[in-house]
Amino acid sequence: MDQAELEMIARLGAMEYVLTHTLKILFLSVGLGLEDLDNLREGMQKALANQTFPGLPATLSDHFADELAREVDRLVGAIHEELTRAFDRTPGLVVFAEGGFDDKENC
């Protein structure tokens, strides 16, 4: 692995970390929970199953769509884990309608 590949992997990892944490905070701040995330995951998987990539040959397009769906599922799974940890650390976590948490240190 060369320096450019290492930097690209680190950059993607950082984006995933920030996205996961940000979406966890977003879900908590608007009062959404694990069931809402599961519904979102299901909708995204259905949408990706029907996605085509016109610039790619059909077999490669199908393979790319499958890989994309797998990675989206993995990322949503990480968000699910973060939400689960937030709820486990703070039983009875109260999310206020205007946004915010009753225990900001655990989020």
C-alpha atoms as a PDB file:
ATOM      1  CA  MET A   1       0.000   0.000   0.000  1.00  0.00           C
ATOM      2  CA  ASP A   2       1.444   3.349  -0.960  1.00  0.00           C
ATOM      3  CA  GLN A   3       0.995   6.705   0.780  1.00  0.00           C
ATOM      4  CA  ALA A   4      -1.823   7.831  -1.553  1.00  0.00           C
ATOM      5  CA  GLU A   5      -3.813   4.639  -0.889  1.00  0.00           C
ATOM      6  CA  LEU A   6      -3.276   4.998   2.851  1.00  0.00           C
ATOM      7  CA  GLU A   7      -4.478   8.606   2.748  1.00  0.00           C
ATOM      8  CA  MET A   8      -7.555   7.639   0.703  1.00  0.00           C
ATOM      9  CA  ILE A   9      -8.460   4.857   3.135  1.00  0.00           C
ATOM     10  CA  ALA A  10      -7.961   7.203   6.098  1.00  0.00           C
ATOM     11  CA  ARG A  11     -10.074   9.883   4.423  1.00  0.00           C
ATOM     12  CA  LEU A  12     -12.932   7.453   3.726  1.00  0.00           C
ATOM     13  CA  GLY A  13     -12.712   6.116   7.273  1.00  0.00           C
ATOM     14  CA  ALA A  14     -12.881   9.644   8.681  1.00  0.00           C
ATOM     15  CA  MET A  15     -15.918  10.454   6.531  1.00  0.00           C
ATOM     16  CA  GLU A  16     -17.677   7.302   7.701  1.00  0.00           C
ATOM     17  CA  TYR A  17     -16.881   8.120  11.328  1.00  0.00           C
ATOM     18  CA  VAL A  18     -18.163  11.691  11.075  1.00  0.00           C
ATOM     19  CA  LEU A  19     -21.244  10.657   9.078  1.00  0.00           C
ATOM     20  CA  THR A  20     -22.131   7.910  11.549  1.00  0.00           C
ATOM     21  CA  HIS A  21     -21.785  10.204  14.553  1.00  0.00           C
ATOM     22  CA  THR A  22     -23.615  13.083  12.849  1.00  0.00           C
ATOM     23  CA  LEU A  23     -26.544  10.910  11.802  1.00  0.00           C
ATOM     24  CA  LYS A  24     -26.779   9.451  15.301  1.00  0.00           C
ATOM     25  CA  ILE A  25     -27.034  12.968  16.718  1.00  0.00           C
ATOM     26  CA  LEU A  26     -29.553  13.932  14.019  1.00  0.00           C
ATOM     27  CA  PHE A  27     -31.760  10.929  14.739  1.00  0.00           C
ATOM     28  CA  LEU A  28     -31.685  11.612  18.468  1.00  0.00           C
ATOM     29  CA  SER A  29     -32.287  15.347  18.077  1.00  0.00           C
ATOM     30  CA  VAL A  30     -35.429  14.910  15.966  1.00  0.00           C
ATOM     31  CA  GLY A  31     -36.800  12.090  18.100  1.00  0.00           C
ATOM     32  CA  LEU A  32     -36.191   9.181  15.726  1.00  0.00           C
ATOM     33  CA  GLY A  33     -35.197   5.783  17.023  1.00  0.00           C
ATOM     34  CA  LEU A  34     -34.027   2.352  15.957  1.00  0.00           C
ATOM     35  CA  GLU A  35     -37.298   1.413  14.272  1.00  0.00           C
ATOM     36  CA  ASP A  36     -37.143   4.577  12.162  1.00  0.00           C
ATOM     37  CA  LEU A  37     -33.586   3.745  11.136  1.00  0.00           C
ATOM     38  CA  ASP A  38     -34.627   0.191  10.257  1.00  0.00           C
ATOM     39  CA  ASN A  39     -37.421   1.574   8.062  1.00  0.00           C
ATOM     40  CA  LEU A  40     -34.959   3.933   6.385  1.00  0.00           C
ATOM     41  CA  ARG A  41     -32.558   1.041   5.788  1.00  0.00           C
ATOM     42  CA  GLU A  42     -35.315  -1.012   4.177  1.00  0.00           C
ATOM     43  CA  GLY A  43     -36.287   1.882   1.905  1.00  0.00           C
ATOM     44  CA  MET A  44     -32.704   2.492   0.859  1.00  0.00           C
ATOM     45  CA  GLN A  45     -32.176  -1.192   0.080  1.00  0.00           C
ATOM     46  CA  LYS A  46     -35.291  -1.235  -2.118  1.00  0.00           C
ATOM     47  CA  ALA A  47     -34.181   1.917  -3.919  1.00  0.00           C
ATOM     48  CA  LEU A  48     -30.675   0.566  -4.489  1.00  0.00           C
ATOM     49  CA  ALA A  49     -32.058  -2.752  -5.781  1.00  0.00           C
ATOM     50  CA  ASN A  50     -33.745  -0.791  -8.582  1.00  0.00           C
ATOM     51  CA  GLN A  51     -30.811   1.529  -9.254  1.00  0.00           C
ATOM     52  CA  THR A  52     -29.114   1.337 -12.628  1.00  0.00           C
ATOM     53  CA  PHE A  53     -25.849   2.848 -13.744  1.00  0.00           C
ATOM     54  CA  PRO A  54     -26.246   3.645 -17.446  1.00  0.00           C
ATOM     55  CA  GLY A  55     -22.546   4.189 -18.150  1.00  0.00           C
ATOM     56  CA  LEU A  56     -21.655   0.661 -17.040  1.00  0.00           C
ATOM     57  CA  PRO A  57     -22.260  -2.660 -18.802  1.00  0.00           C
ATOM     58  CA  ALA A  58     -25.336  -4.427 -17.373  1.00  0.00           C
ATOM     59  CA  THR A  59     -23.390  -7.098 -15.471  1.00  0.00           C
ATOM     60  CA  LEU A  60     -21.012  -4.570 -13.968  1.00  0.00           C
ATOM     61  CA  SER A  61     -23.916  -2.249 -13.143  1.00  0.00           C
ATOM     62  CA  ASP A  62     -25.660  -5.054 -11.237  1.00  0.00           C
ATOM     63  CA  HIS A  63     -22.456  -5.923  -9.391  1.00  0.00           C
ATOM     64  CA  PHE A  64     -21.819  -2.274  -8.519  1.00  0.00           C
ATOM     65  CA  ALA A  65     -25.416  -1.873  -7.278  1.00  0.00           C
ATOM     66  CA  ASP A  66     -24.982  -4.952  -5.067  1.00  0.00           C
ATOM     67  CA  GLU A  67     -21.695  -3.656  -3.658  1.00  0.00           C
ATOM     68  CA  LEU A  68     -23.193  -0.214  -3.063  1.00  0.00           C
ATOM     69  CA  ALA A  69     -26.191  -1.754  -1.271  1.00  0.00           C
ATOM     70  CA  ARG A  70     -23.856  -3.854   0.878  1.00  0.00           C
ATOM     71  CA  GLU A  71     -21.791  -0.825   1.881  1.00  0.00           C
ATOM     72  CA  VAL A  72     -24.871   1.289   2.598  1.00  0.00           C
ATOM     73  CA  ASP A  73     -26.204  -1.524   4.777  1.00  0.00           C
ATOM     74  CA  ARG A  74     -22.878  -1.700   6.617  1.00  0.00           C
ATOM     75  CA  LEU A  75     -22.878   2.041   7.224  1.00  0.00           C
ATOM     76  CA  VAL A  76     -26.501   2.074   8.406  1.00  0.00           C
ATOM     77  CA  GLY A  77     -25.591  -0.856  10.663  1.00  0.00           C
ATOM     78  CA  ALA A  78     -22.859   1.269  12.237  1.00  0.00           C
ATOM     79  CA  ILE A  79     -25.382   4.062  12.826  1.00  0.00           C
ATOM     80  CA  HIS A  80     -27.738   1.493  14.385  1.00  0.00           C
ATOM     81  CA  GLU A  81     -24.951   0.406  16.746  1.00  0.00           C
ATOM     82  CA  GLU A  82     -24.246   4.027  17.711  1.00  0.00           C
ATOM     83  CA  LEU A  83     -27.939   4.678  18.429  1.00  0.00           C
ATOM     84  CA  THR A  84     -28.171   1.468  20.441  1.00  0.00           C
ATOM     85  CA  ARG A  85     -25.155   2.504  22.523  1.00  0.00           C
ATOM     86  CA  ALA A  86     -26.659   5.945  23.104  1.00  0.00           C
ATOM     87  CA  PHE A  87     -29.929   4.423  24.325  1.00  0.00           C
ATOM     88  CA  ASP A  88     -28.101   1.818  26.442  1.00  0.00           C
ATOM     89  CA  ARG A  89     -25.855   4.445  28.091  1.00  0.00           C
ATOM     90  CA  THR A  90     -28.781   6.675  28.887  1.00  0.00           C
ATOM     91  CA  PRO A  91     -31.874   4.640  29.745  1.00  0.00           C
ATOM     92  CA  GLY A  92     -34.966   6.734  29.232  1.00  0.00           C
ATOM     93  CA  LEU A  93     -33.106   9.215  27.028  1.00  0.00           C
ATOM     94  CA  VAL A  94     -35.427  12.140  26.492  1.00  0.00           C
ATOM     95  CA  VAL A  95     -35.208  13.958  23.201  1.00  0.00           C
ATOM     96  CA  PHE A  96     -36.813  17.378  23.266  1.00  0.00           C
ATOM     97  CA  ALA A  97     -39.067  18.527  20.438  1.00  0.00           C
ATOM     98  CA  GLU A  98     -36.872  21.545  19.677  1.00  0.00           C
ATOM     99  CA  GLY A  99     -33.802  19.304  19.550  1.00  0.00           C
ATOM    100  CA  GLY A 100     -31.241  18.467  22.145  1.00  0.00           C
ATOM    101  CA  PHE A 101     -30.642  15.818  24.734  1.00  0.00           C
ATOM    102  CA  ASP A 102     -31.147  15.406  28.429  1.00  0.00           C
ATOM    103  CA  ASP A 103     -27.634  13.963  28.683  1.00  0.00           C
ATOM    104  CA  LYS A 104     -25.303  15.565  26.138  1.00  0.00           C
ATOM    105  CA  GLU A 105     -22.160  13.977  27.571  1.00  0.00           C
ATOM    106  CA  ASN A 106     -23.288  10.496  26.501  1.00  0.00           C
ATOM    107  CA  CYS A 107     -24.079  11.462  22.931  1.00  0.00           C
END
